[in-house]
Amino acid sequence: MPRKLKFPTPKDYAVKDAVILCSAQRVLDLYNQNTGETAARIAKTVKSWFMAQALKRGWAACHFTREVQVSQSGGCFLLNPASLKEIDGKKSVRLRGENFHYTDIIAGRHLADIKARKAIQKTAVVAGTVLPQ
């Protein structure tokens, strides 16, 4: 019998781990394990379920990303709420020396920015974790 996967929670990570990556395969495995379904791809139903679960477990935000070479889902980035700080009167997170406002991250504005992508990729913990959309 396969080992039961644990859905990641922010308390599993240090404050310095501002952004965590949950791989596409882990997202699917968690979905299939917890719903009894057998999804093979990350469709809207999988995304909706995963984002709801991530927010319910305390993640500040969740954003699904695409894999560069295959144009399929690369997984989901999760924003650790413990890493958010008040900067200029807005909740922000500091990634590699730059401040990014929480509302911009949720809207995906900075995730499309090459500089932010590099910072997020360098900061992400690729241990099977997630970020809201």
N, C-alpha and C. Protein backbone atom coordinates (compact mmCIF):
# COMPACT_ATOMS: atom_id res chain seq x y z
N MET A 1 0.85 -1.18 0.00
CA MET A 1 0.00 0.00 0.00
C MET A 1 0.89 1.24 0.00
N PRO A 2 0.64 2.19 -0.89
CA PRO A 2 1.48 3.38 -0.97
C PRO A 2 1.37 4.24 0.30
N ARG A 3 2.44 4.95 0.56
CA ARG A 3 2.49 5.83 1.72
C ARG A 3 1.56 7.02 1.51
N LYS A 4 0.83 7.40 2.56
CA LYS A 4 -0.10 8.53 2.47
C LYS A 4 0.69 9.84 2.46
N LEU A 5 0.38 10.69 1.47
CA LEU A 5 1.04 11.99 1.35
C LEU A 5 0.41 13.00 2.29
N LYS A 6 1.24 13.86 2.86
CA LYS A 6 0.76 14.92 3.75
C LYS A 6 0.68 16.21 2.95
N PHE A 7 -0.45 16.90 3.07
CA PHE A 7 -0.59 18.19 2.40
C PHE A 7 0.32 19.18 3.14
N PRO A 8 1.15 19.95 2.44
CA PRO A 8 2.07 20.88 3.11
C PRO A 8 1.31 22.00 3.83
N THR A 9 1.86 22.44 4.94
CA THR A 9 1.31 23.58 5.68
C THR A 9 2.43 24.58 5.93
N PRO A 10 2.09 25.86 6.10
CA PRO A 10 3.14 26.87 6.32
C PRO A 10 4.00 26.59 7.53
N LYS A 11 3.43 25.98 8.57
CA LYS A 11 4.21 25.73 9.79
C LYS A 11 5.32 24.70 9.56
N ASP A 12 5.26 23.97 8.44
CA ASP A 12 6.30 22.99 8.10
C ASP A 12 7.58 23.67 7.59
N TYR A 13 7.52 24.99 7.36
CA TYR A 13 8.63 25.71 6.74
C TYR A 13 9.04 26.91 7.56
N ALA A 14 10.29 27.29 7.42
CA ALA A 14 10.82 28.46 8.12
C ALA A 14 10.31 29.75 7.47
N VAL A 15 10.34 30.84 8.23
CA VAL A 15 9.91 32.15 7.73
C VAL A 15 10.72 32.53 6.49
N LYS A 16 12.00 32.16 6.47
CA LYS A 16 12.86 32.51 5.33
C LYS A 16 12.44 31.81 4.04
N ASP A 17 11.66 30.73 4.16
CA ASP A 17 11.14 30.02 2.98
C ASP A 17 9.85 30.71 2.56
N ALA A 18 9.98 31.86 1.91
CA ALA A 18 8.82 32.68 1.56
C ALA A 18 7.93 32.01 0.52
N VAL A 19 8.54 31.32 -0.43
CA VAL A 19 7.79 30.70 -1.51
C VAL A 19 8.20 29.23 -1.60
N ILE A 20 7.20 28.37 -1.66
CA ILE A 20 7.42 26.94 -1.72
C ILE A 20 6.79 26.41 -3.01
N LEU A 21 7.44 25.44 -3.64
CA LEU A 21 6.91 24.85 -4.86
C LEU A 21 6.41 23.44 -4.58
N CYS A 22 5.18 23.17 -4.99
CA CYS A 22 4.63 21.81 -4.96
C CYS A 22 4.59 21.35 -6.41
N SER A 23 5.32 20.31 -6.71
CA SER A 23 5.40 19.84 -8.10
C SER A 23 4.04 19.42 -8.63
N ALA A 24 3.92 19.42 -9.95
CA ALA A 24 2.67 19.02 -10.59
C ALA A 24 2.30 17.59 -10.21
N GLN A 25 3.29 16.72 -10.15
CA GLN A 25 3.02 15.32 -9.80
C GLN A 25 2.50 15.21 -8.37
N ARG A 26 3.07 15.99 -7.47
CA ARG A 26 2.60 15.95 -6.08
C ARG A 26 1.19 16.52 -5.96
N VAL A 27 0.89 17.58 -6.70
CA VAL A 27 -0.46 18.15 -6.71
C VAL A 27 -1.45 17.07 -7.15
N LEU A 28 -1.13 16.36 -8.23
CA LEU A 28 -2.01 15.29 -8.73
C LEU A 28 -2.13 14.15 -7.73
N ASP A 29 -1.01 13.75 -7.14
CA ASP A 29 -1.04 12.66 -6.17
C ASP A 29 -1.89 13.04 -4.95
N LEU A 30 -1.76 14.26 -4.47
CA LEU A 30 -2.57 14.71 -3.33
C LEU A 30 -4.05 14.75 -3.70
N TYR A 31 -4.35 15.26 -4.89
CA TYR A 31 -5.74 15.33 -5.35
C TYR A 31 -6.34 13.93 -5.45
N ASN A 32 -5.64 13.03 -6.12
CA ASN A 32 -6.15 11.66 -6.32
C ASN A 32 -6.30 10.94 -4.97
N GLN A 33 -5.35 11.11 -4.09
CA GLN A 33 -5.39 10.46 -2.78
C GLN A 33 -6.55 10.96 -1.93
N ASN A 34 -6.79 12.26 -1.94
CA ASN A 34 -7.78 12.85 -1.04
C ASN A 34 -9.20 12.91 -1.60
N THR A 35 -9.34 12.79 -2.90
CA THR A 35 -10.69 12.87 -3.49
C THR A 35 -11.21 11.53 -3.99
N GLY A 36 -10.30 10.58 -4.19
CA GLY A 36 -10.71 9.29 -4.73
C GLY A 36 -10.82 9.30 -6.25
N GLU A 37 -10.58 10.46 -6.86
CA GLU A 37 -10.61 10.58 -8.33
C GLU A 37 -9.29 10.06 -8.90
N THR A 38 -9.20 10.01 -10.22
CA THR A 38 -7.95 9.60 -10.87
C THR A 38 -7.59 10.60 -11.97
N ALA A 39 -7.28 11.80 -11.57
CA ALA A 39 -6.90 12.84 -12.53
C ALA A 39 -5.49 12.56 -13.05
N ALA A 40 -5.30 12.78 -14.35
CA ALA A 40 -3.99 12.58 -14.98
C ALA A 40 -3.33 13.91 -15.31
N ARG A 41 -4.13 14.97 -15.37
CA ARG A 41 -3.62 16.31 -15.68
C ARG A 41 -4.20 17.31 -14.69
N ILE A 42 -3.53 18.45 -14.58
CA ILE A 42 -4.01 19.49 -13.67
C ILE A 42 -5.03 20.35 -14.42
N ALA A 43 -6.29 19.96 -14.28
CA ALA A 43 -7.40 20.68 -14.89
C ALA A 43 -7.97 21.67 -13.87
N LYS A 44 -9.01 22.40 -14.27
CA LYS A 44 -9.63 23.40 -13.39
C LYS A 44 -10.10 22.80 -12.07
N THR A 45 -10.66 21.60 -12.12
CA THR A 45 -11.15 20.99 -10.88
C THR A 45 -10.01 20.69 -9.91
N VAL A 46 -8.88 20.24 -10.45
CA VAL A 46 -7.71 19.96 -9.60
C VAL A 46 -7.17 21.26 -9.02
N LYS A 47 -7.05 22.29 -9.86
CA LYS A 47 -6.57 23.59 -9.38
C LYS A 47 -7.47 24.16 -8.30
N SER A 48 -8.77 24.13 -8.54
CA SER A 48 -9.73 24.66 -7.57
C SER A 48 -9.63 23.93 -6.24
N TRP A 49 -9.57 22.61 -6.30
CA TRP A 49 -9.47 21.81 -5.08
C TRP A 49 -8.18 22.14 -4.34
N PHE A 50 -7.07 22.15 -5.08
CA PHE A 50 -5.76 22.37 -4.46
C PHE A 50 -5.68 23.76 -3.82
N MET A 51 -6.14 24.78 -4.53
CA MET A 51 -6.10 26.14 -4.00
C MET A 51 -6.96 26.26 -2.75
N ALA A 52 -8.13 25.66 -2.77
CA ALA A 52 -9.01 25.71 -1.60
C ALA A 52 -8.34 25.04 -0.40
N GLN A 53 -7.71 23.90 -0.65
CA GLN A 53 -7.03 23.18 0.43
C GLN A 53 -5.84 23.98 0.97
N ALA A 54 -5.08 24.60 0.05
CA ALA A 54 -3.91 25.38 0.46
C ALA A 54 -4.32 26.57 1.33
N LEU A 55 -5.34 27.29 0.90
CA LEU A 55 -5.81 28.45 1.67
C LEU A 55 -6.40 28.02 3.01
N LYS A 56 -7.10 26.91 3.00
CA LYS A 56 -7.69 26.36 4.23
C LYS A 56 -6.60 25.99 5.25
N ARG A 57 -5.45 25.56 4.74
CA ARG A 57 -4.35 25.15 5.61
C ARG A 57 -3.44 26.31 6.01
N GLY A 58 -3.78 27.53 5.55
CA GLY A 58 -3.06 28.70 6.04
C GLY A 58 -2.08 29.37 5.10
N TRP A 59 -1.95 28.90 3.86
CA TRP A 59 -1.06 29.57 2.92
C TRP A 59 -1.65 30.93 2.56
N ALA A 60 -0.79 31.93 2.37
CA ALA A 60 -1.26 33.28 2.06
C ALA A 60 -1.73 33.40 0.62
N ALA A 61 -1.11 32.66 -0.29
CA ALA A 61 -1.46 32.73 -1.70
C ALA A 61 -1.01 31.45 -2.39
N CYS A 62 -1.57 31.20 -3.57
CA CYS A 62 -1.28 29.99 -4.34
C CYS A 62 -1.29 30.37 -5.82
N HIS A 63 -0.25 30.00 -6.55
CA HIS A 63 -0.18 30.34 -7.97
C HIS A 63 0.35 29.15 -8.77
N PHE A 64 -0.45 28.68 -9.72
CA PHE A 64 0.00 27.59 -10.60
C PHE A 64 0.87 28.17 -11.70
N THR A 65 1.91 27.44 -12.05
CA THR A 65 2.84 27.88 -13.09
C THR A 65 2.92 26.81 -14.17
N ARG A 66 3.47 27.19 -15.32
CA ARG A 66 3.60 26.25 -16.44
C ARG A 66 5.05 25.80 -16.57
N GLU A 67 5.21 24.58 -17.01
CA GLU A 67 6.54 24.03 -17.28
C GLU A 67 7.01 24.59 -18.62
N VAL A 68 8.23 25.04 -18.67
CA VAL A 68 8.77 25.72 -19.85
C VAL A 68 8.78 24.86 -21.10
N GLN A 69 9.27 23.66 -21.03
CA GLN A 69 9.47 22.87 -22.24
C GLN A 69 8.23 22.15 -22.74
N VAL A 70 7.30 21.82 -21.87
CA VAL A 70 6.16 21.01 -22.30
C VAL A 70 4.83 21.75 -22.27
N SER A 71 4.84 23.00 -21.85
CA SER A 71 3.62 23.82 -21.77
C SER A 71 2.49 23.15 -20.98
N GLN A 72 2.88 22.40 -19.97
CA GLN A 72 1.92 21.82 -19.04
C GLN A 72 2.19 22.42 -17.67
N SER A 73 1.33 22.13 -16.73
CA SER A 73 1.52 22.67 -15.39
C SER A 73 2.83 22.18 -14.80
N GLY A 74 3.57 23.13 -14.23
CA GLY A 74 4.83 22.79 -13.57
C GLY A 74 4.63 22.62 -12.09
N GLY A 75 3.44 22.90 -11.61
CA GLY A 75 3.16 22.79 -10.19
C GLY A 75 2.59 24.08 -9.66
N CYS A 76 2.64 24.22 -8.36
CA CYS A 76 2.01 25.35 -7.72
C CYS A 76 2.95 25.98 -6.68
N PHE A 77 3.07 27.30 -6.74
CA PHE A 77 3.85 28.04 -5.75
C PHE A 77 2.93 28.43 -4.60
N LEU A 78 3.42 28.26 -3.38
CA LEU A 78 2.69 28.66 -2.17
C LEU A 78 3.44 29.78 -1.48
N LEU A 79 2.73 30.79 -1.04
CA LEU A 79 3.34 31.92 -0.33
C LEU A 79 3.14 31.73 1.16
N ASN A 80 4.25 31.69 1.88
CA ASN A 80 4.23 31.50 3.33
C ASN A 80 3.78 32.79 4.01
N PRO A 81 2.67 32.79 4.74
CA PRO A 81 2.17 34.01 5.37
C PRO A 81 3.13 34.59 6.41
N ALA A 82 3.97 33.74 7.00
CA ALA A 82 4.92 34.21 8.00
C ALA A 82 5.98 35.12 7.39
N SER A 83 6.17 35.05 6.07
CA SER A 83 7.19 35.86 5.40
C SER A 83 6.68 37.25 5.02
N LEU A 84 5.35 37.48 5.17
CA LEU A 84 4.78 38.78 4.80
C LEU A 84 5.07 39.83 5.86
N LYS A 85 5.45 41.02 5.41
CA LYS A 85 5.73 42.14 6.31
C LYS A 85 5.05 43.38 5.76
N GLU A 86 4.81 44.36 6.65
CA GLU A 86 4.25 45.64 6.22
C GLU A 86 5.37 46.50 5.64
N ILE A 87 5.25 46.85 4.38
CA ILE A 87 6.21 47.74 3.71
C ILE A 87 5.38 48.76 2.94
N ASP A 88 5.61 50.02 3.19
CA ASP A 88 4.85 51.09 2.55
C ASP A 88 3.34 50.93 2.77
N GLY A 89 2.96 50.45 3.94
CA GLY A 89 1.54 50.30 4.26
C GLY A 89 0.86 49.13 3.58
N LYS A 90 1.63 48.27 2.89
CA LYS A 90 1.05 47.10 2.23
C LYS A 90 1.79 45.86 2.69
N LYS A 91 1.07 44.72 2.69
CA LYS A 91 1.73 43.46 3.00
C LYS A 91 2.63 43.11 1.84
N SER A 92 3.89 42.82 2.15
CA SER A 92 4.87 42.52 1.11
C SER A 92 5.74 41.35 1.54
N VAL A 93 6.40 40.77 0.57
CA VAL A 93 7.37 39.71 0.85
C VAL A 93 8.68 40.14 0.21
N ARG A 94 9.79 39.83 0.88
CA ARG A 94 11.11 40.19 0.36
C ARG A 94 11.74 38.95 -0.24
N LEU A 95 12.03 39.01 -1.54
CA LEU A 95 12.66 37.91 -2.26
C LEU A 95 13.96 38.39 -2.87
N ARG A 96 15.04 37.80 -2.44
CA ARG A 96 16.36 38.13 -2.99
C ARG A 96 16.63 39.63 -3.04
N GLY A 97 16.32 40.31 -1.95
CA GLY A 97 16.63 41.73 -1.84
C GLY A 97 15.63 42.68 -2.43
N GLU A 98 14.53 42.18 -2.99
CA GLU A 98 13.51 43.06 -3.55
C GLU A 98 12.17 42.80 -2.89
N ASN A 99 11.40 43.89 -2.72
CA ASN A 99 10.07 43.77 -2.11
C ASN A 99 9.02 43.58 -3.18
N PHE A 100 8.10 42.64 -2.93
CA PHE A 100 6.98 42.40 -3.82
C PHE A 100 5.71 42.48 -3.00
N HIS A 101 4.76 43.29 -3.44
CA HIS A 101 3.51 43.43 -2.70
C HIS A 101 2.66 42.18 -2.87
N TYR A 102 2.05 41.77 -1.79
CA TYR A 102 1.20 40.58 -1.72
C TYR A 102 0.10 40.60 -2.78
N THR A 103 -0.57 41.74 -2.95
CA THR A 103 -1.66 41.82 -3.93
C THR A 103 -1.15 41.64 -5.36
N ASP A 104 0.06 42.11 -5.65
CA ASP A 104 0.64 41.92 -6.98
C ASP A 104 1.00 40.45 -7.21
N ILE A 105 1.47 39.80 -6.16
CA ILE A 105 1.83 38.38 -6.28
C ILE A 105 0.58 37.56 -6.56
N ILE A 106 -0.49 37.82 -5.83
CA ILE A 106 -1.74 37.09 -6.04
C ILE A 106 -2.26 37.32 -7.46
N ALA A 107 -2.17 38.56 -7.94
CA ALA A 107 -2.65 38.88 -9.28
C ALA A 107 -1.72 38.32 -10.36
N GLY A 108 -0.53 37.86 -9.97
CA GLY A 108 0.41 37.29 -10.92
C GLY A 108 1.23 38.34 -11.65
N ARG A 109 1.14 39.62 -11.22
CA ARG A 109 1.87 40.67 -11.92
C ARG A 109 3.38 40.48 -11.83
N HIS A 110 3.89 40.16 -10.65
CA HIS A 110 5.33 39.99 -10.53
C HIS A 110 5.81 38.62 -10.98
N LEU A 111 4.91 37.65 -10.99
CA LEU A 111 5.31 36.32 -11.41
C LEU A 111 5.65 36.29 -12.89
N ALA A 112 5.06 37.21 -13.66
CA ALA A 112 5.36 37.27 -15.09
C ALA A 112 6.68 38.00 -15.34
N ASP A 113 7.14 38.73 -14.37
CA ASP A 113 8.37 39.49 -14.48
C ASP A 113 9.57 38.53 -14.37
N ILE A 114 10.50 38.62 -15.30
CA ILE A 114 11.65 37.72 -15.32
C ILE A 114 12.44 37.79 -14.02
N LYS A 115 12.64 38.99 -13.51
CA LYS A 115 13.40 39.17 -12.28
C LYS A 115 12.72 38.45 -11.12
N ALA A 116 11.41 38.59 -11.02
CA ALA A 116 10.65 37.94 -9.94
C ALA A 116 10.67 36.43 -10.11
N ARG A 117 10.55 35.96 -11.35
CA ARG A 117 10.58 34.52 -11.59
C ARG A 117 11.88 33.92 -11.10
N LYS A 118 12.99 34.59 -11.42
CA LYS A 118 14.29 34.09 -10.98
C LYS A 118 14.37 34.07 -9.46
N ALA A 119 13.88 35.13 -8.83
CA ALA A 119 13.91 35.20 -7.36
C ALA A 119 13.05 34.11 -6.76
N ILE A 120 11.88 33.89 -7.33
CA ILE A 120 10.98 32.87 -6.79
C ILE A 120 11.57 31.48 -7.00
N GLN A 121 12.15 31.23 -8.16
CA GLN A 121 12.74 29.92 -8.43
C GLN A 121 13.90 29.64 -7.48
N LYS A 122 14.72 30.67 -7.20
CA LYS A 122 15.84 30.50 -6.29
C LYS A 122 15.38 30.32 -4.86
N THR A 123 14.27 30.95 -4.51
CA THR A 123 13.79 30.89 -3.13
C THR A 123 12.92 29.67 -2.88
N ALA A 124 12.30 29.14 -3.93
CA ALA A 124 11.36 28.02 -3.78
C ALA A 124 12.05 26.78 -3.23
N VAL A 125 11.36 26.08 -2.40
CA VAL A 125 11.82 24.81 -1.88
C VAL A 125 11.14 23.73 -2.71
N VAL A 126 11.93 22.99 -3.48
CA VAL A 126 11.34 22.01 -4.37
C VAL A 126 11.26 20.67 -3.64
N ALA A 127 10.47 20.68 -2.59
CA ALA A 127 10.32 19.47 -1.77
C ALA A 127 8.88 18.98 -1.83
N GLY A 128 8.15 19.43 -2.81
CA GLY A 128 6.77 19.02 -2.94
C GLY A 128 5.84 19.91 -2.15
N THR A 129 5.82 21.18 -2.47
CA THR A 129 4.96 22.14 -1.79
C THR A 129 4.21 23.02 -2.78
N VAL A 130 3.36 24.02 -2.34
CA VAL A 130 2.47 24.79 -3.23
C VAL A 130 2.33 26.29 -2.99
N LEU A 131 1.95 27.13 -4.00
CA LEU A 131 1.64 28.58 -3.88
C LEU A 131 0.34 28.96 -4.58
N PRO A 132 -0.62 29.62 -3.91
CA PRO A 132 -1.94 29.98 -4.44
C PRO A 132 -1.99 30.86 -5.67
N GLN A 133 -3.12 30.78 -6.37
CA GLN A 133 -3.27 31.55 -7.61
C GLN A 133 -4.08 32.79 -7.40
